[in-house]
Amino acid sequence: MKKLFVVPLSVACAVLSLSAAQAGNVENGKKLFESPTFGGGTSGKTCASCHADGAKLSADLFEREKHMVMGNEMASVADTVNVCIEMALKGKAIKTDSDEMKDVLAYMQALVKEKKE
């Protein structure tokens, strides 16, 4: 009987750990969002230069299927982040599944959540 309880519990813990890892680190995301060198940026700008305290980030940002940024349609929020890195920060796009991207997206989600409340 104990084994039946232990197996599902360990599976649940593994799933929760995986979800937490996918969610990203909000604190690190904030640091990246405010870093002029994020994505190898050379313009001296940061994400916060245009989006301080979530400015210009719509409340439904993570609920939409498509996104418009600088006149271009993007399939995901990660793609829009990369456009901003390349255009505004003058850096190079980062992998959309990288820890840095997960962290920045987690911070952006926190900013958007504050707007909803």
PDB file of N, CA and C in Angstrom:
ATOM      1  N   MET A   1       0.826  -1.192   0.000  1.00  0.00           N
ATOM      2  CA  MET A   1       0.000   0.000   0.000  1.00  0.00           C
ATOM      3  C   MET A   1       0.873   1.261   0.000  1.00  0.00           C
ATOM      4  N   LYS A   2       1.951   1.254   0.781  1.00  0.00           N
ATOM      5  CA  LYS A   2       2.816   2.419   0.823  1.00  0.00           C
ATOM      6  C   LYS A   2       3.472   2.690  -0.523  1.00  0.00           C
ATOM      7  N   LYS A   3       3.845   1.663  -1.252  1.00  0.00           N
ATOM      8  CA  LYS A   3       4.491   1.835  -2.551  1.00  0.00           C
ATOM      9  C   LYS A   3       3.566   2.536  -3.540  1.00  0.00           C
ATOM     10  N   LEU A   4       2.299   2.235  -3.500  1.00  0.00           N
ATOM     11  CA  LEU A   4       1.350   2.895  -4.396  1.00  0.00           C
ATOM     12  C   LEU A   4       1.273   4.383  -4.110  1.00  0.00           C
ATOM     13  N   PHE A   5       1.413   4.761  -2.855  1.00  0.00           N
ATOM     14  CA  PHE A   5       1.369   6.170  -2.480  1.00  0.00           C
ATOM     15  C   PHE A   5       2.669   6.884  -2.845  1.00  0.00           C
ATOM     16  N   VAL A   6       3.805   6.205  -2.664  1.00  0.00           N
ATOM     17  CA  VAL A   6       5.109   6.800  -2.908  1.00  0.00           C
ATOM     18  C   VAL A   6       5.346   7.060  -4.395  1.00  0.00           C
ATOM     19  N   VAL A   7       4.989   6.149  -5.248  1.00  0.00           N
ATOM     20  CA  VAL A   7       5.216   6.312  -6.687  1.00  0.00           C
ATOM     21  C   VAL A   7       4.472   7.530  -7.233  1.00  0.00           C
ATOM     22  N   PRO A   8       3.161   7.660  -7.003  1.00  0.00           N
ATOM     23  CA  PRO A   8       2.485   8.847  -7.521  1.00  0.00           C
ATOM     24  C   PRO A   8       3.029  10.144  -6.922  1.00  0.00           C
ATOM     25  N   LEU A   9       3.414  10.115  -5.667  1.00  0.00           N
ATOM     26  CA  LEU A   9       3.958  11.307  -5.037  1.00  0.00           C
ATOM     27  C   LEU A   9       5.272  11.714  -5.691  1.00  0.00           C
ATOM     28  N   SER A  10       6.140  10.751  -5.979  1.00  0.00           N
ATOM     29  CA  SER A  10       7.416  11.086  -6.619  1.00  0.00           C
ATOM     30  C   SER A  10       7.199  11.596  -8.038  1.00  0.00           C
ATOM     31  N   VAL A  11       6.221  11.043  -8.738  1.00  0.00           N
ATOM     32  CA  VAL A  11       5.896  11.528 -10.083  1.00  0.00           C
ATOM     33  C   VAL A  11       5.367  12.958  -9.997  1.00  0.00           C
ATOM     34  N   ALA A  12       4.501  13.230  -9.042  1.00  0.00           N
ATOM     35  CA  ALA A  12       3.958  14.576  -8.872  1.00  0.00           C
ATOM     36  C   ALA A  12       5.059  15.573  -8.557  1.00  0.00           C
ATOM     37  N   CYS A  13       6.006  15.191  -7.715  1.00  0.00           N
ATOM     38  CA  CYS A  13       7.131  16.076  -7.385  1.00  0.00           C
ATOM     39  C   CYS A  13       7.984  16.359  -8.615  1.00  0.00           C
ATOM     40  N   ALA A  14       8.208  15.358  -9.420  1.00  0.00           N
ATOM     41  CA  ALA A  14       9.003  15.546 -10.638  1.00  0.00           C
ATOM     42  C   ALA A  14       8.301  16.490 -11.600  1.00  0.00           C
ATOM     43  N   VAL A  15       6.990  16.351 -11.740  1.00  0.00           N
ATOM     44  CA  VAL A  15       6.220  17.233 -12.627  1.00  0.00           C
ATOM     45  C   VAL A  15       6.256  18.664 -12.108  1.00  0.00           C
ATOM     46  N   LEU A  16       6.101  18.852 -10.806  1.00  0.00           N
ATOM     47  CA  LEU A  16       6.159  20.191 -10.227  1.00  0.00           C
ATOM     48  C   LEU A  16       7.538  20.818 -10.409  1.00  0.00           C
ATOM     49  N   SER A  17       8.583  20.045 -10.261  1.00  0.00           N
ATOM     50  CA  SER A  17       9.935  20.558 -10.461  1.00  0.00           C
ATOM     51  C   SER A  17      10.143  20.982 -11.904  1.00  0.00           C
ATOM     52  N   LEU A  18       9.650  20.178 -12.828  1.00  0.00           N
ATOM     53  CA  LEU A  18       9.773  20.503 -14.243  1.00  0.00           C
ATOM     54  C   LEU A  18       9.005  21.778 -14.559  1.00  0.00           C
ATOM     55  N   SER A  19       7.791  21.928 -14.004  1.00  0.00           N
ATOM     56  CA  SER A  19       6.994  23.131 -14.234  1.00  0.00           C
ATOM     57  C   SER A  19       7.699  24.361 -13.687  1.00  0.00           C
ATOM     58  N   ALA A  20       8.297  24.240 -12.517  1.00  0.00           N
ATOM     59  CA  ALA A  20       9.014  25.370 -11.927  1.00  0.00           C
ATOM     60  C   ALA A  20      10.205  25.756 -12.789  1.00  0.00           C
ATOM     61  N   ALA A  21      10.899  24.766 -13.339  1.00  0.00           N
ATOM     62  CA  ALA A  21      12.056  25.048 -14.184  1.00  0.00           C
ATOM     63  C   ALA A  21      11.619  25.744 -15.473  1.00  0.00           C
ATOM     64  N   GLN A  22      10.492  25.309 -16.039  1.00  0.00           N
ATOM     65  CA  GLN A  22       9.997  25.917 -17.262  1.00  0.00           C
ATOM     66  C   GLN A  22       9.509  27.335 -17.023  1.00  0.00           C
ATOM     67  N   ALA A  23       9.030  27.619 -15.827  1.00  0.00           N
ATOM     68  CA  ALA A  23       8.476  28.932 -15.522  1.00  0.00           C
ATOM     69  C   ALA A  23       9.550  30.008 -15.510  1.00  0.00           C
ATOM     70  N   GLY A  24      10.750  29.691 -15.147  1.00  0.00           N
ATOM     71  CA  GLY A  24      11.821  30.666 -15.124  1.00  0.00           C
ATOM     72  C   GLY A  24      11.970  31.340 -13.779  1.00  0.00           C
ATOM     73  N   ASN A  25      13.073  32.039 -13.646  1.00  0.00           N
ATOM     74  CA  ASN A  25      13.423  32.732 -12.421  1.00  0.00           C
ATOM     75  C   ASN A  25      13.111  34.221 -12.584  1.00  0.00           C
ATOM     76  N   VAL A  26      12.107  34.694 -11.869  1.00  0.00           N
ATOM     77  CA  VAL A  26      11.645  36.075 -12.001  1.00  0.00           C
ATOM     78  C   VAL A  26      12.744  37.072 -11.637  1.00  0.00           C
ATOM     79  N   GLU A  27      13.478  36.805 -10.567  1.00  0.00           N
ATOM     80  CA  GLU A  27      14.545  37.731 -10.147  1.00  0.00           C
ATOM     81  C   GLU A  27      15.622  37.867 -11.219  1.00  0.00           C
ATOM     82  N   ASN A  28      16.051  36.758 -11.775  1.00  0.00           N
ATOM     83  CA  ASN A  28      17.058  36.821 -12.836  1.00  0.00           C
ATOM     84  C   ASN A  28      16.472  37.479 -14.086  1.00  0.00           C
ATOM     85  N   GLY A  29      15.202  37.207 -14.352  1.00  0.00           N
ATOM     86  CA  GLY A  29      14.531  37.837 -15.480  1.00  0.00           C
ATOM     87  C   GLY A  29      14.513  39.344 -15.353  1.00  0.00           C
ATOM     88  N   LYS A  30      14.308  39.845 -14.151  1.00  0.00           N
ATOM     89  CA  LYS A  30      14.322  41.297 -13.902  1.00  0.00           C
ATOM     90  C   LYS A  30      15.707  41.864 -14.190  1.00  0.00           C
ATOM     91  N   LYS A  31      16.733  41.157 -13.751  1.00  0.00           N
ATOM     92  CA  LYS A  31      18.110  41.608 -14.013  1.00  0.00           C
ATOM     93  C   LYS A  31      18.387  41.673 -15.513  1.00  0.00           C
ATOM     94  N   LEU A  32      17.966  40.650 -16.243  1.00  0.00           N
ATOM     95  CA  LEU A  32      18.170  40.631 -17.689  1.00  0.00           C
ATOM     96  C   LEU A  32      17.365  41.739 -18.360  1.00  0.00           C
ATOM     97  N   PHE A  33      16.141  41.941 -17.924  1.00  0.00           N
ATOM     98  CA  PHE A  33      15.241  42.955 -18.471  1.00  0.00           C
ATOM     99  C   PHE A  33      15.844  44.355 -18.316  1.00  0.00           C
ATOM    100  N   GLU A  34      16.634  44.528 -17.267  1.00  0.00           N
ATOM    101  CA  GLU A  34      17.240  45.831 -16.978  1.00  0.00           C
ATOM    102  C   GLU A  34      18.703  45.917 -17.396  1.00  0.00           C
ATOM    103  N   SER A  35      19.204  44.896 -18.087  1.00  0.00           N
ATOM    104  CA  SER A  35      20.609  44.856 -18.484  1.00  0.00           C
ATOM    105  C   SER A  35      20.821  45.392 -19.902  1.00  0.00           C
ATOM    106  N   PRO A  36      21.728  46.361 -20.072  1.00  0.00           N
ATOM    107  CA  PRO A  36      22.023  46.875 -21.415  1.00  0.00           C
ATOM    108  C   PRO A  36      22.827  45.886 -22.263  1.00  0.00           C
ATOM    109  N   THR A  37      23.283  44.816 -21.667  1.00  0.00           N
ATOM    110  CA  THR A  37      24.047  43.824 -22.431  1.00  0.00           C
ATOM    111  C   THR A  37      23.256  42.536 -22.686  1.00  0.00           C
ATOM    112  N   PHE A  38      21.982  42.532 -22.326  1.00  0.00           N
ATOM    113  CA  PHE A  38      21.128  41.359 -22.571  1.00  0.00           C
ATOM    114  C   PHE A  38      21.130  41.057 -24.064  1.00  0.00           C
ATOM    115  N   GLY A  39      21.368  39.797 -24.412  1.00  0.00           N
ATOM    116  CA  GLY A  39      21.419  39.390 -25.814  1.00  0.00           C
ATOM    117  C   GLY A  39      22.608  39.987 -26.559  1.00  0.00           C
ATOM    118  N   GLY A  40      23.614  40.429 -25.822  1.00  0.00           N
ATOM    119  CA  GLY A  40      24.774  41.045 -26.461  1.00  0.00           C
ATOM    120  C   GLY A  40      24.497  42.459 -26.945  1.00  0.00           C
ATOM    121  N   GLY A  41      23.476  43.080 -26.358  1.00  0.00           N
ATOM    122  CA  GLY A  41      23.076  44.422 -26.769  1.00  0.00           C
ATOM    123  C   GLY A  41      24.213  45.432 -26.722  1.00  0.00           C
ATOM    124  N   THR A  42      24.243  46.313 -27.726  1.00  0.00           N
ATOM    125  CA  THR A  42      25.298  47.331 -27.810  1.00  0.00           C
ATOM    126  C   THR A  42      24.738  48.750 -27.880  1.00  0.00           C
ATOM    127  N   SER A  43      23.405  48.905 -27.831  1.00  0.00           N
ATOM    128  CA  SER A  43      22.795  50.230 -27.977  1.00  0.00           C
ATOM    129  C   SER A  43      22.784  51.024 -26.683  1.00  0.00           C
ATOM    130  N   GLY A  44      23.030  50.356 -25.558  1.00  0.00           N
ATOM    131  CA  GLY A  44      22.933  51.017 -24.260  1.00  0.00           C
ATOM    132  C   GLY A  44      21.513  50.996 -23.707  1.00  0.00           C
ATOM    133  N   LYS A  45      20.572  50.522 -24.505  1.00  0.00           N
ATOM    134  CA  LYS A  45      19.186  50.422 -24.059  1.00  0.00           C
ATOM    135  C   LYS A  45      18.963  49.096 -23.346  1.00  0.00           C
ATOM    136  N   THR A  46      17.873  49.047 -22.609  1.00  0.00           N
ATOM    137  CA  THR A  46      17.443  47.819 -21.944  1.00  0.00           C
ATOM    138  C   THR A  46      15.991  47.570 -22.327  1.00  0.00           C
ATOM    139  N   CYS A  47      15.482  46.415 -21.977  1.00  0.00           N
ATOM    140  CA  CYS A  47      14.053  46.162 -22.180  1.00  0.00           C
ATOM    141  C   CYS A  47      13.239  47.205 -21.413  1.00  0.00           C
ATOM    142  N   ALA A  48      13.725  47.548 -20.217  1.00  0.00           N
ATOM    143  CA  ALA A  48      13.038  48.524 -19.370  1.00  0.00           C
ATOM    144  C   ALA A  48      13.071  49.933 -19.951  1.00  0.00           C
ATOM    145  N   SER A  49      13.954  50.201 -20.901  1.00  0.00           N
ATOM    146  CA  SER A  49      13.972  51.520 -21.537  1.00  0.00           C
ATOM    147  C   SER A  49      12.612  51.820 -22.174  1.00  0.00           C
ATOM    148  N   CYS A  50      12.004  50.831 -22.773  1.00  0.00           N
ATOM    149  CA  CYS A  50      10.690  50.995 -23.416  1.00  0.00           C
ATOM    150  C   CYS A  50       9.547  50.437 -22.567  1.00  0.00           C
ATOM    151  N   HIS A  51       9.858  49.521 -21.677  1.00  0.00           N
ATOM    152  CA  HIS A  51       8.809  48.806 -20.946  1.00  0.00           C
ATOM    153  C   HIS A  51       8.970  48.902 -19.430  1.00  0.00           C
ATOM    154  N   ALA A  52       9.393  50.056 -18.925  1.00  0.00           N
ATOM    155  CA  ALA A  52       9.560  50.239 -17.474  1.00  0.00           C
ATOM    156  C   ALA A  52       8.251  49.912 -16.760  1.00  0.00           C
ATOM    157  N   ASP A  53       8.340  49.104 -15.734  1.00  0.00           N
ATOM    158  CA  ASP A  53       7.179  48.687 -14.947  1.00  0.00           C
ATOM    159  C   ASP A  53       6.066  48.080 -15.808  1.00  0.00           C
ATOM    160  N   GLY A  54       6.444  47.479 -16.935  1.00  0.00           N
ATOM    161  CA  GLY A  54       5.473  46.812 -17.786  1.00  0.00           C
ATOM    162  C   GLY A  54       4.790  47.717 -18.805  1.00  0.00           C
ATOM    163  N   ALA A  55       5.278  48.954 -18.954  1.00  0.00           N
ATOM    164  CA  ALA A  55       4.694  49.873 -19.932  1.00  0.00           C
ATOM    165  C   ALA A  55       4.688  49.222 -21.312  1.00  0.00           C
ATOM    166  N   LYS A  56       3.633  49.423 -22.039  1.00  0.00           N
ATOM    167  CA  LYS A  56       3.455  48.910 -23.399  1.00  0.00           C
ATOM    168  C   LYS A  56       3.368  47.383 -23.473  1.00  0.00           C
ATOM    169  N   LEU A  57       3.246  46.719 -22.347  1.00  0.00           N
ATOM    170  CA  LEU A  57       3.003  45.271 -22.334  1.00  0.00           C
ATOM    171  C   LEU A  57       1.520  45.096 -22.019  1.00  0.00           C
ATOM    172  N   SER A  58       0.748  44.610 -22.980  1.00  0.00           N
ATOM    173  CA  SER A  58      -0.692  44.495 -22.772  1.00  0.00           C
ATOM    174  C   SER A  58      -1.026  43.412 -21.750  1.00  0.00           C
ATOM    175  N   ALA A  59      -2.126  43.605 -21.070  1.00  0.00           N
ATOM    176  CA  ALA A  59      -2.545  42.669 -20.023  1.00  0.00           C
ATOM    177  C   ALA A  59      -2.800  41.270 -20.568  1.00  0.00           C
ATOM    178  N   ASP A  60      -3.122  41.161 -21.860  1.00  0.00           N
ATOM    179  CA  ASP A  60      -3.395  39.846 -22.446  1.00  0.00           C
ATOM    180  C   ASP A  60      -2.204  39.307 -23.241  1.00  0.00           C
ATOM    181  N   LEU A  61      -1.029  39.839 -22.997  1.00  0.00           N
ATOM    182  CA  LEU A  61       0.168  39.483 -23.752  1.00  0.00           C
ATOM    183  C   LEU A  61       0.387  37.981 -23.875  1.00  0.00           C
ATOM    184  N   PHE A  62       0.223  37.253 -22.796  1.00  0.00           N
ATOM    185  CA  PHE A  62       0.512  35.819 -22.800  1.00  0.00           C
ATOM    186  C   PHE A  62      -0.711  34.975 -23.158  1.00  0.00           C
ATOM    187  N   GLU A  63      -1.805  35.623 -23.469  1.00  0.00           N
ATOM    188  CA  GLU A  63      -3.030  34.909 -23.840  1.00  0.00           C
ATOM    189  C   GLU A  63      -3.278  34.925 -25.346  1.00  0.00           C
ATOM    190  N   ARG A  64      -2.637  35.835 -26.059  1.00  0.00           N
ATOM    191  CA  ARG A  64      -2.859  35.966 -27.502  1.00  0.00           C
ATOM    192  C   ARG A  64      -2.064  34.936 -28.278  1.00  0.00           C
ATOM    193  N   GLU A  65      -2.577  34.582 -29.453  1.00  0.00           N
ATOM    194  CA  GLU A  65      -1.882  33.629 -30.318  1.00  0.00           C
ATOM    195  C   GLU A  65      -0.846  34.313 -31.198  1.00  0.00           C
ATOM    196  N   LYS A  66      -1.104  35.556 -31.590  1.00  0.00           N
ATOM    197  CA  LYS A  66      -0.178  36.291 -32.447  1.00  0.00           C
ATOM    198  C   LYS A  66       0.114  37.640 -31.833  1.00  0.00           C
ATOM    199  N   HIS A  67       1.274  38.177 -32.158  1.00  0.00           N
ATOM    200  CA  HIS A  67       1.731  39.427 -31.574  1.00  0.00           C
ATOM    201  C   HIS A  67       2.292  40.327 -32.670  1.00  0.00           C
ATOM    202  N   MET A  68       2.065  41.616 -32.528  1.00  0.00           N
ATOM    203  CA  MET A  68       2.624  42.590 -33.469  1.00  0.00           C
ATOM    204  C   MET A  68       3.700  43.376 -32.739  1.00  0.00           C
ATOM    205  N   VAL A  69       4.857  43.465 -33.369  1.00  0.00           N
ATOM    206  CA  VAL A  69       5.931  44.281 -32.803  1.00  0.00           C
ATOM    207  C   VAL A  69       6.672  44.937 -33.965  1.00  0.00           C
ATOM    208  N   MET A  70       6.789  46.235 -33.867  1.00  0.00           N
ATOM    209  CA  MET A  70       7.484  47.015 -34.898  1.00  0.00           C
ATOM    210  C   MET A  70       6.974  46.680 -36.300  1.00  0.00           C
ATOM    211  N   GLY A  71       5.655  46.499 -36.417  1.00  0.00           N
ATOM    212  CA  GLY A  71       5.035  46.228 -37.709  1.00  0.00           C
ATOM    213  C   GLY A  71       5.144  44.798 -38.206  1.00  0.00           C
ATOM    214  N   ASN A  72       5.706  43.925 -37.401  1.00  0.00           N
ATOM    215  CA  ASN A  72       5.878  42.523 -37.792  1.00  0.00           C
ATOM    216  C   ASN A  72       5.022  41.617 -36.911  1.00  0.00           C
ATOM    217  N   GLU A  73       4.422  40.607 -37.534  1.00  0.00           N
ATOM    218  CA  GLU A  73       3.620  39.643 -36.785  1.00  0.00           C
ATOM    219  C   GLU A  73       4.512  38.521 -36.269  1.00  0.00           C
ATOM    220  N   MET A  74       4.399  38.241 -34.993  1.00  0.00           N
ATOM    221  CA  MET A  74       5.195  37.202 -34.342  1.00  0.00           C
ATOM    222  C   MET A  74       4.263  36.116 -33.801  1.00  0.00           C
ATOM    223  N   ALA A  75       4.755  34.891 -33.754  1.00  0.00           N
ATOM    224  CA  ALA A  75       3.954  33.765 -33.282  1.00  0.00           C
ATOM    225  C   ALA A  75       3.968  33.615 -31.768  1.00  0.00           C
ATOM    226  N   SER A  76       4.987  34.176 -31.095  1.00  0.00           N
ATOM    227  CA  SER A  76       5.080  33.991 -29.645  1.00  0.00           C
ATOM    228  C   SER A  76       5.694  35.219 -28.983  1.00  0.00           C
ATOM    229  N   VAL A  77       5.522  35.284 -27.672  1.00  0.00           N
ATOM    230  CA  VAL A  77       6.130  36.374 -26.909  1.00  0.00           C
ATOM    231  C   VAL A  77       7.651  36.277 -26.997  1.00  0.00           C
ATOM    232  N   ALA A  78       8.178  35.059 -26.982  1.00  0.00           N
ATOM    233  CA  ALA A  78       9.631  34.872 -27.102  1.00  0.00           C
ATOM    234  C   ALA A  78      10.152  35.452 -28.413  1.00  0.00           C
ATOM    235  N   ASP A  79       9.396  35.272 -29.486  1.00  0.00           N
ATOM    236  CA  ASP A  79       9.799  35.847 -30.767  1.00  0.00           C
ATOM    237  C   ASP A  79       9.812  37.375 -30.701  1.00  0.00           C
ATOM    238  N   THR A  80       8.853  37.954 -29.999  1.00  0.00           N
ATOM    239  CA  THR A  80       8.825  39.419 -29.883  1.00  0.00           C
ATOM    240  C   THR A  80      10.008  39.918 -29.060  1.00  0.00           C
ATOM    241  N   VAL A  81      10.367  39.166 -28.026  1.00  0.00           N
ATOM    242  CA  VAL A  81      11.543  39.535 -27.233  1.00  0.00           C
ATOM    243  C   VAL A  81      12.777  39.558 -28.134  1.00  0.00           C
ATOM    244  N   ASN A  82      12.907  38.559 -28.980  1.00  0.00           N
ATOM    245  CA  ASN A  82      14.070  38.513 -29.872  1.00  0.00           C
ATOM    246  C   ASN A  82      14.091  39.664 -30.873  1.00  0.00           C
ATOM    247  N   VAL A  83      12.933  40.075 -31.361  1.00  0.00           N
ATOM    248  CA  VAL A  83      12.891  41.236 -32.257  1.00  0.00           C
ATOM    249  C   VAL A  83      13.391  42.474 -31.520  1.00  0.00           C
ATOM    250  N   CYS A  84      12.952  42.641 -30.288  1.00  0.00           N
ATOM    251  CA  CYS A  84      13.403  43.787 -29.493  1.00  0.00           C
ATOM    252  C   CYS A  84      14.906  43.712 -29.213  1.00  0.00           C
ATOM    253  N   ILE A  85      15.406  42.519 -28.928  1.00  0.00           N
ATOM    254  CA  ILE A  85      16.849  42.367 -28.704  1.00  0.00           C
ATOM    255  C   ILE A  85      17.610  42.800 -29.947  1.00  0.00           C
ATOM    256  N   GLU A  86      17.159  42.343 -31.107  1.00  0.00           N
ATOM    257  CA  GLU A  86      17.867  42.655 -32.349  1.00  0.00           C
ATOM    258  C   GLU A  86      17.700  44.110 -32.771  1.00  0.00           C
ATOM    259  N   MET A  87      16.485  44.640 -32.683  1.00  0.00           N
ATOM    260  CA  MET A  87      16.211  45.980 -33.193  1.00  0.00           C
ATOM    261  C   MET A  87      16.574  47.080 -32.190  1.00  0.00           C
ATOM    262  N   ALA A  88      16.028  47.000 -30.994  1.00  0.00           N
ATOM    263  CA  ALA A  88      16.220  48.075 -30.014  1.00  0.00           C
ATOM    264  C   ALA A  88      17.542  47.965 -29.261  1.00  0.00           C
ATOM    265  N   LEU A  89      17.881  46.737 -28.843  1.00  0.00           N
ATOM    266  CA  LEU A  89      19.103  46.566 -28.053  1.00  0.00           C
ATOM    267  C   LEU A  89      20.347  46.398 -28.924  1.00  0.00           C
ATOM    268  N   LYS A  90      20.130  46.124 -30.205  1.00  0.00           N
ATOM    269  CA  LYS A  90      21.226  45.894 -31.154  1.00  0.00           C
ATOM    270  C   LYS A  90      22.081  44.698 -30.733  1.00  0.00           C
ATOM    271  N   GLY A  91      21.370  43.636 -30.347  1.00  0.00           N
ATOM    272  CA  GLY A  91      22.040  42.397 -29.958  1.00  0.00           C
ATOM    273  C   GLY A  91      21.670  41.273 -30.903  1.00  0.00           C
ATOM    274  N   LYS A  92      21.889  40.052 -30.439  1.00  0.00           N
ATOM    275  CA  LYS A  92      21.565  38.869 -31.230  1.00  0.00           C
ATOM    276  C   LYS A  92      20.477  38.084 -30.523  1.00  0.00           C
ATOM    277  N   ALA A  93      19.553  37.549 -31.309  1.00  0.00           N
ATOM    278  CA  ALA A  93      18.460  36.755 -30.755  1.00  0.00           C
ATOM    279  C   ALA A  93      19.016  35.619 -29.899  1.00  0.00           C
ATOM    280  N   ILE A  94      18.279  35.303 -28.842  1.00  0.00           N
ATOM    281  CA  ILE A  94      18.663  34.184 -27.987  1.00  0.00           C
ATOM    282  C   ILE A  94      17.704  33.032 -28.255  1.00  0.00           C
ATOM    283  N   LYS A  95      18.104  31.838 -27.880  1.00  0.00           N
ATOM    284  CA  LYS A  95      17.261  30.663 -28.105  1.00  0.00           C
ATOM    285  C   LYS A  95      15.967  30.818 -27.313  1.00  0.00           C
ATOM    286  N   THR A  96      14.859  30.524 -27.972  1.00  0.00           N
ATOM    287  CA  THR A  96      13.569  30.708 -27.316  1.00  0.00           C
ATOM    288  C   THR A  96      13.332  29.730 -26.169  1.00  0.00           C
ATOM    289  N   ASP A  97      14.105  28.641 -26.122  1.00  0.00           N
ATOM    290  CA  ASP A  97      13.955  27.690 -25.016  1.00  0.00           C
ATOM    291  C   ASP A  97      15.104  27.797 -24.006  1.00  0.00           C
ATOM    292  N   SER A  98      15.896  28.872 -24.091  1.00  0.00           N
ATOM    293  CA  SER A  98      17.028  29.047 -23.176  1.00  0.00           C
ATOM    294  C   SER A  98      16.555  29.488 -21.793  1.00  0.00           C
ATOM    295  N   ASP A  99      17.403  29.292 -20.796  1.00  0.00           N
ATOM    296  CA  ASP A  99      17.079  29.729 -19.435  1.00  0.00           C
ATOM    297  C   ASP A  99      16.896  31.243 -19.394  1.00  0.00           C
ATOM    298  N   GLU A 100      17.722  31.973 -20.139  1.00  0.00           N
ATOM    299  CA  GLU A 100      17.581  33.430 -20.166  1.00  0.00           C
ATOM    300  C   GLU A 100      16.194  33.835 -20.658  1.00  0.00           C
ATOM    301  N   MET A 101      15.738  33.207 -21.728  1.00  0.00           N
ATOM    302  CA  MET A 101      14.412  33.535 -22.260  1.00  0.00           C
ATOM    303  C   MET A 101      13.334  33.174 -21.262  1.00  0.00           C
ATOM    304  N   LYS A 102      13.442  31.999 -20.652  1.00  0.00           N
ATOM    305  CA  LYS A 102      12.455  31.585 -19.655  1.00  0.00           C
ATOM    306  C   LYS A 102      12.401  32.580 -18.502  1.00  0.00           C
ATOM    307  N   ASP A 103      13.572  33.063 -18.080  1.00  0.00           N
ATOM    308  CA  ASP A 103      13.633  34.014 -16.972  1.00  0.00           C
ATOM    309  C   ASP A 103      13.010  35.355 -17.351  1.00  0.00           C
ATOM    310  N   VAL A 104      13.327  35.868 -18.530  1.00  0.00           N
ATOM    311  CA  VAL A 104      12.759  37.147 -18.978  1.00  0.00           C
ATOM    312  C   VAL A 104      11.243  37.023 -19.131  1.00  0.00           C
ATOM    313  N   LEU A 105      10.792  35.923 -19.693  1.00  0.00           N
ATOM    314  CA  LEU A 105       9.351  35.718 -19.849  1.00  0.00           C
ATOM    315  C   LEU A 105       8.658  35.618 -18.494  1.00  0.00           C
ATOM    316  N   ALA A 106       9.305  34.980 -17.526  1.00  0.00           N
ATOM    317  CA  ALA A 106       8.730  34.889 -16.177  1.00  0.00           C
ATOM    318  C   ALA A 106       8.586  36.274 -15.565  1.00  0.00           C
ATOM    319  N   TYR A 107       9.594  37.121 -15.755  1.00  0.00           N
ATOM    320  CA  TYR A 107       9.514  38.487 -15.230  1.00  0.00           C
ATOM    321  C   TYR A 107       8.419  39.273 -15.955  1.00  0.00           C
ATOM    322  N   MET A 108       8.342  39.116 -17.259  1.00  0.00           N
ATOM    323  CA  MET A 108       7.309  39.814 -18.021  1.00  0.00           C
ATOM    324  C   MET A 108       5.911  39.361 -17.590  1.00  0.00           C
ATOM    325  N   GLN A 109       5.765  38.066 -17.305  1.00  0.00           N
ATOM    326  CA  GLN A 109       4.480  37.565 -16.823  1.00  0.00           C
ATOM    327  C   GLN A 109       4.125  38.204 -15.486  1.00  0.00           C
ATOM    328  N   ALA A 110       5.125  38.395 -14.630  1.00  0.00           N
ATOM    329  CA  ALA A 110       4.885  39.048 -13.342  1.00  0.00           C
ATOM    330  C   ALA A 110       4.438  40.500 -13.554  1.00  0.00           C
ATOM    331  N   LEU A 111       5.055  41.199 -14.506  1.00  0.00           N
ATOM    332  CA  LEU A 111       4.654  42.571 -14.799  1.00  0.00           C
ATOM    333  C   LEU A 111       3.225  42.630 -15.316  1.00  0.00           C
ATOM    334  N   VAL A 112       2.891  41.715 -16.212  1.00  0.00           N
ATOM    335  CA  VAL A 112       1.539  41.671 -16.790  1.00  0.00           C
ATOM    336  C   VAL A 112       0.521  41.325 -15.716  1.00  0.00           C
ATOM    337  N   LYS A 113       0.874  40.412 -14.822  1.00  0.00           N
ATOM    338  CA  LYS A 113      -0.034  40.018 -13.749  1.00  0.00           C
ATOM    339  C   LYS A 113      -0.355  41.211 -12.853  1.00  0.00           C
ATOM    340  N   GLU A 114       0.643  42.043 -12.575  1.00  0.00           N
ATOM    341  CA  GLU A 114       0.432  43.244 -11.764  1.00  0.00           C
ATOM    342  C   GLU A 114      -0.555  44.178 -12.430  1.00  0.00           C
ATOM    343  N   LYS A 115      -0.515  44.265 -13.764  1.00  0.00           N
ATOM    344  CA  LYS A 115      -1.445  45.133 -14.487  1.00  0.00           C
ATOM    345  C   LYS A 115      -2.887  44.667 -14.342  1.00  0.00           C
ATOM    346  N   LYS A 116      -3.067  43.344 -14.265  1.00  0.00           N
ATOM    347  CA  LYS A 116      -4.406  42.784 -14.174  1.00  0.00           C
ATOM    348  C   LYS A 116      -5.017  43.002 -12.805  1.00  0.00           C
ATOM    349  N   GLU A 117      -4.182  43.103 -11.797  1.00  0.00           N
ATOM    350  CA  GLU A 117      -4.686  43.188 -10.410  1.00  0.00           C
ATOM    351  C   GLU A 117      -5.116  44.582 -10.046  1.00  0.00           C
TER     352      GLU A 117
END
